[in-house]
C-alpha atoms as a PDB file:
ATOM      1  CA  MET A   1      53.439  49.470  26.446  1.00  0.00           C
ATOM      2  CA  ARG A   2      54.750  46.232  24.949  1.00  0.00           C
ATOM      3  CA  ALA A   3      51.610  45.408  22.937  1.00  0.00           C
ATOM      4  CA  GLU A   4      51.504  48.894  21.410  1.00  0.00           C
ATOM      5  CA  LEU A   5      55.217  48.822  20.607  1.00  0.00           C
ATOM      6  CA  GLU A   6      54.904  45.382  19.005  1.00  0.00           C
ATOM      7  CA  ARG A   7      52.018  46.667  16.868  1.00  0.00           C
ATOM      8  CA  GLN A   8      54.026  49.708  15.770  1.00  0.00           C
ATOM      9  CA  ALA A   9      57.106  47.617  15.014  1.00  0.00           C
ATOM     10  CA  GLU A  10      55.081  45.199  12.914  1.00  0.00           C
ATOM     11  CA  SER A  11      53.531  48.040  10.926  1.00  0.00           C
ATOM     12  CA  VAL A  12      56.861  49.654  10.002  1.00  0.00           C
ATOM     13  CA  ALA A  13      59.388  46.809  10.175  1.00  0.00           C
ATOM     14  CA  ALA A  14      57.478  43.581   9.650  1.00  0.00           C
ATOM     15  CA  GLY A  15      59.568  40.673  10.879  1.00  0.00           C
ATOM     16  CA  ARG A  16      62.694  42.752  11.580  1.00  0.00           C
ATOM     17  CA  VAL A  17      62.021  43.678  15.217  1.00  0.00           C
ATOM     18  CA  MET A  18      61.766  41.090  17.973  1.00  0.00           C
ATOM     19  CA  PHE A  19      60.714  41.641  21.577  1.00  0.00           C
ATOM     20  CA  LEU A  20      62.543  38.921  23.479  1.00  0.00           C
ATOM     21  CA  GLY A  21      61.848  39.815  27.098  1.00  0.00           C
ATOM     22  CA  ALA A  22      64.123  38.423  29.817  1.00  0.00           C
ATOM     23  CA  LEU A  23      66.741  35.959  28.589  1.00  0.00           C
ATOM     24  CA  GLU A  24      68.491  33.331  30.659  1.00  0.00           C
ATOM     25  CA  ASP A  25      71.553  33.642  28.404  1.00  0.00           C
ATOM     26  CA  PRO A  26      71.768  36.961  26.505  1.00  0.00           C
ATOM     27  CA  ARG A  27      74.915  36.035  24.542  1.00  0.00           C
ATOM     28  CA  PRO A  28      73.155  34.793  21.380  1.00  0.00           C
ATOM     29  CA  ALA A  29      71.023  37.943  21.210  1.00  0.00           C
ATOM     30  CA  LEU A  30      74.040  40.195  21.777  1.00  0.00           C
ATOM     31  CA  ALA A  31      76.017  38.313  19.119  1.00  0.00           C
ATOM     32  CA  ALA A  32      73.193  38.835  16.615  1.00  0.00           C
ATOM     33  CA  ALA A  33      72.981  42.591  17.248  1.00  0.00           C
ATOM     34  CA  ASP A  34      74.936  45.417  15.627  1.00  0.00           C
ATOM     35  CA  VAL A  35      74.166  47.958  18.370  1.00  0.00           C
ATOM     36  CA  LEU A  36      72.383  47.796  21.723  1.00  0.00           C
ATOM     37  CA  VAL A  37      69.958  50.681  22.296  1.00  0.00           C
ATOM     38  CA  LEU A  38      68.891  51.687  25.813  1.00  0.00           C
ATOM     39  CA  PRO A  39      66.715  54.833  25.621  1.00  0.00           C
ATOM     40  CA  SER A  40      65.823  54.826  29.330  1.00  0.00           C
ATOM     41  CA  GLU A  41      64.457  57.800  31.191  1.00  0.00           C
ATOM     42  CA  THR A  42      66.219  56.698  34.377  1.00  0.00           C
ATOM     43  CA  GLU A  43      68.920  54.161  35.220  1.00  0.00           C
ATOM     44  CA  GLY A  44      71.397  53.167  37.872  1.00  0.00           C
ATOM     45  CA  ILE A  45      74.364  51.228  36.507  1.00  0.00           C
ATOM     46  CA  PRO A  46      72.652  49.128  33.823  1.00  0.00           C
ATOM     47  CA  ALA A  47      74.168  45.654  33.711  1.00  0.00           C
ATOM     48  CA  VAL A  48      72.909  45.165  30.152  1.00  0.00           C
ATOM     49  CA  LEU A  49      75.387  47.811  28.963  1.00  0.00           C
ATOM     50  CA  ILE A  50      78.245  46.008  30.699  1.00  0.00           C
ATOM     51  CA  GLU A  51      77.109  42.707  29.158  1.00  0.00           C
ATOM     52  CA  ALA A  52      77.014  44.372  25.742  1.00  0.00           C
ATOM     53  CA  ALA A  53      80.508  45.770  26.235  1.00  0.00           C
ATOM     54  CA  PHE A  54      81.906  42.383  27.254  1.00  0.00           C
ATOM     55  CA  SER A  55      80.464  41.144  23.931  1.00  0.00           C
ATOM     56  CA  GLU A  56      82.200  43.991  22.038  1.00  0.00           C
ATOM     57  CA  LEU A  57      78.853  45.521  21.179  1.00  0.00           C
ATOM     58  CA  PRO A  58      78.622  49.324  21.096  1.00  0.00           C
ATOM     59  CA  VAL A  59      75.606  50.976  22.652  1.00  0.00           C
ATOM     60  CA  VAL A  60      73.394  53.964  22.154  1.00  0.00           C
ATOM     61  CA  ALA A  61      71.997  55.083  25.481  1.00  0.00           C
ATOM     62  CA  THR A  62      70.413  58.082  27.101  1.00  0.00           C
ATOM     63  CA  LEU A  63      72.545  60.303  29.294  1.00  0.00           C
ATOM     64  CA  VAL A  64      70.899  59.334  32.591  1.00  0.00           C
ATOM     65  CA  GLY A  65      72.023  57.921  35.933  1.00  0.00           C
ATOM     66  CA  GLY A  66      75.169  55.834  35.856  1.00  0.00           C
ATOM     67  CA  VAL A  67      75.185  55.279  32.087  1.00  0.00           C
ATOM     68  CA  PRO A  68      78.218  57.595  31.580  1.00  0.00           C
ATOM     69  CA  GLU A  69      80.199  55.333  33.948  1.00  0.00           C
ATOM     70  CA  ILE A  70      79.940  52.680  31.243  1.00  0.00           C
ATOM     71  CA  VAL A  71      79.569  54.554  27.951  1.00  0.00           C
ATOM     72  CA  VAL A  72      82.114  57.106  26.778  1.00  0.00           C
ATOM     73  CA  ASN A  73      80.396  59.180  24.112  1.00  0.00           C
ATOM     74  CA  GLY A  74      82.002  58.684  20.711  1.00  0.00           C
ATOM     75  CA  GLU A  75      84.470  56.120  22.058  1.00  0.00           C
ATOM     76  CA  THR A  76      82.529  53.116  23.388  1.00  0.00           C
ATOM     77  CA  GLY A  77      79.111  54.120  22.123  1.00  0.00           C
ATOM     78  CA  VAL A  78      76.892  57.133  21.661  1.00  0.00           C
ATOM     79  CA  LEU A  79      75.067  59.046  24.379  1.00  0.00           C
ATOM     80  CA  VAL A  80      71.876  60.914  23.575  1.00  0.00           C
ATOM     81  CA  PRO A  81      69.775  63.226  25.741  1.00  0.00           C
ATOM     82  CA  ARG A  82      66.928  61.860  27.847  1.00  0.00           C
ATOM     83  CA  ARG A  83      63.836  61.601  25.630  1.00  0.00           C
ATOM     84  CA  PRO A  84      65.716  62.178  22.368  1.00  0.00           C
ATOM     85  CA  GLU A  85      63.957  63.136  19.177  1.00  0.00           C
ATOM     86  CA  PRO A  86      63.564  60.088  16.912  1.00  0.00           C
ATOM     87  CA  THR A  87      65.933  61.575  14.331  1.00  0.00           C
ATOM     88  CA  VAL A  88      68.601  62.078  17.010  1.00  0.00           C
ATOM     89  CA  LEU A  89      68.232  58.487  18.197  1.00  0.00           C
ATOM     90  CA  ALA A  90      68.330  57.172  14.621  1.00  0.00           C
ATOM     91  CA  GLY A  91      71.463  59.209  13.866  1.00  0.00           C
ATOM     92  CA  ALA A  92      73.145  57.874  16.989  1.00  0.00           C
ATOM     93  CA  ILE A  93      72.318  54.303  16.001  1.00  0.00           C
ATOM     94  CA  ARG A  94      73.778  54.875  12.526  1.00  0.00           C
ATOM     95  CA  ALA A  95      76.945  56.394  14.030  1.00  0.00           C
ATOM     96  CA  ALA A  96      77.442  53.480  16.451  1.00  0.00           C
ATOM     97  CA  ALA A  97      76.805  50.917  13.711  1.00  0.00           C
ATOM     98  CA  LYS A  98      79.326  52.628  11.427  1.00  0.00           C
ATOM     99  CA  GLU A  99      82.025  52.425  14.137  1.00  0.00           C
ATOM    100  CA  ARG A 100      80.851  49.076  15.491  1.00  0.00           C
ATOM    101  CA  GLN A 101      84.213  47.310  15.634  1.00  0.00           C
ATOM    102  CA  ALA A 102      86.265  50.155  17.099  1.00  0.00           C
ATOM    103  CA  MET A 103      83.597  51.148  19.620  1.00  0.00           C
ATOM    104  CA  GLY A 104      82.951  47.524  20.535  1.00  0.00           C
ATOM    105  CA  ARG A 105      86.626  46.848  21.255  1.00  0.00           C
ATOM    106  CA  ALA A 106      86.947  50.070  23.271  1.00  0.00           C
ATOM    107  CA  ALA A 107      83.788  49.201  25.229  1.00  0.00           C
ATOM    108  CA  ARG A 108      85.135  45.748  26.107  1.00  0.00           C
ATOM    109  CA  LEU A 109      88.473  47.144  27.286  1.00  0.00           C
ATOM    110  CA  ARG A 110      86.801  49.842  29.392  1.00  0.00           C
ATOM    111  CA  CYS A 111      84.475  47.368  31.073  1.00  0.00           C
ATOM    112  CA  LEU A 112      87.226  44.827  31.691  1.00  0.00           C
ATOM    113  CA  GLU A 113      89.214  47.561  33.467  1.00  0.00           C
ATOM    114  CA  ARG A 114      86.232  48.720  35.545  1.00  0.00           C
ATOM    115  CA  PHE A 115      83.699  45.896  35.899  1.00  0.00           C
ATOM    116  CA  GLU A 116      85.469  42.541  35.547  1.00  0.00           C
ATOM    117  CA  ILE A 117      84.668  40.500  38.660  1.00  0.00           C
ATOM    118  CA  GLY A 118      88.276  40.365  39.894  1.00  0.00           C
ATOM    119  CA  VAL A 119      88.571  44.139  39.648  1.00  0.00           C
ATOM    120  CA  VAL A 120      85.270  44.687  41.453  1.00  0.00           C
ATOM    121  CA  ALA A 121      86.144  42.156  44.186  1.00  0.00           C
ATOM    122  CA  ALA A 122      89.525  43.807  44.781  1.00  0.00           C
ATOM    123  CA  ARG A 123      87.831  47.205  45.154  1.00  0.00           C
ATOM    124  CA  TRP A 124      85.326  45.795  47.639  1.00  0.00           C
ATOM    125  CA  ASP A 125      88.128  44.151  49.617  1.00  0.00           C
ATOM    126  CA  ALA A 126      90.053  47.436  49.738  1.00  0.00           C
ATOM    127  CA  LEU A 127      86.968  49.396  50.820  1.00  0.00           C
ATOM    128  CA  LEU A 128      86.017  46.907  53.523  1.00  0.00           C
ATOM    129  CA  GLU A 129      89.582  46.845  54.812  1.00  0.00           C
ATOM    130  CA  GLU A 130      89.636  50.647  54.942  1.00  0.00           C
ATOM    131  CA  LEU A 131      86.315  50.786  56.787  1.00  0.00           C
ATOM    132  CA  GLY A 132      86.828  48.133  59.360  1.00  0.00           C
ATOM    133  CA  GLY A 133      90.012  46.200  59.108  1.00  0.00           C
ATOM    134  CA  TRP A 134      88.489  43.517  56.917  1.00  0.00           C
ATOM    135  CA  ASP A 135      90.929  40.809  55.959  1.00  0.00           C
ATOM    136  CA  ALA A 136      89.936  39.093  52.749  1.00  0.00           C
ATOM    137  CA  PRO A 137      89.997  35.284  52.870  1.00  0.00           C
ATOM    138  CA  GLN A 138      93.105  33.867  51.260  1.00  0.00           C
END
C-alpha cells in the first residue's frame, strides 16, 4: 500500500510526510518527531514503541497485542481502538502532542523499569534459574 499512501500524503500534505522505510539508526527520526503513531491491526511487543519511549517520545497506538505492556493510556501515550475512525486517531495525536513532554518522560521511565537490557537480562536469569538451576556467568 506504500505507493497509494505516498500519493495520498502528497495530495493532502505536500512535503510534510516522509516514508522512510527501515532505518539503521532511528534516533534522528525519533528526535525529529513530536509523536510516534502505530495504528497496527495486530502486534506482539513492538520494539519501535520501546525505542520511542527511550527517546522520550509519546506514542499513539492501537489497543492490540502487547501494546498495552508499553503504553499506558493517558500517561505514556494514547491508545485507540483497532481500526480507529480518522477523527479519533487525529484527536489522539493532538492529545499526545499537547502532553508531549510529560508523556515522553513517563514513557522513558516506564520502559527503563521494564525493558532496559539489564532488567530484561536479570529476569531471564531468574527464570532460567527457576526452571533448571541455571547459574548465570559471573
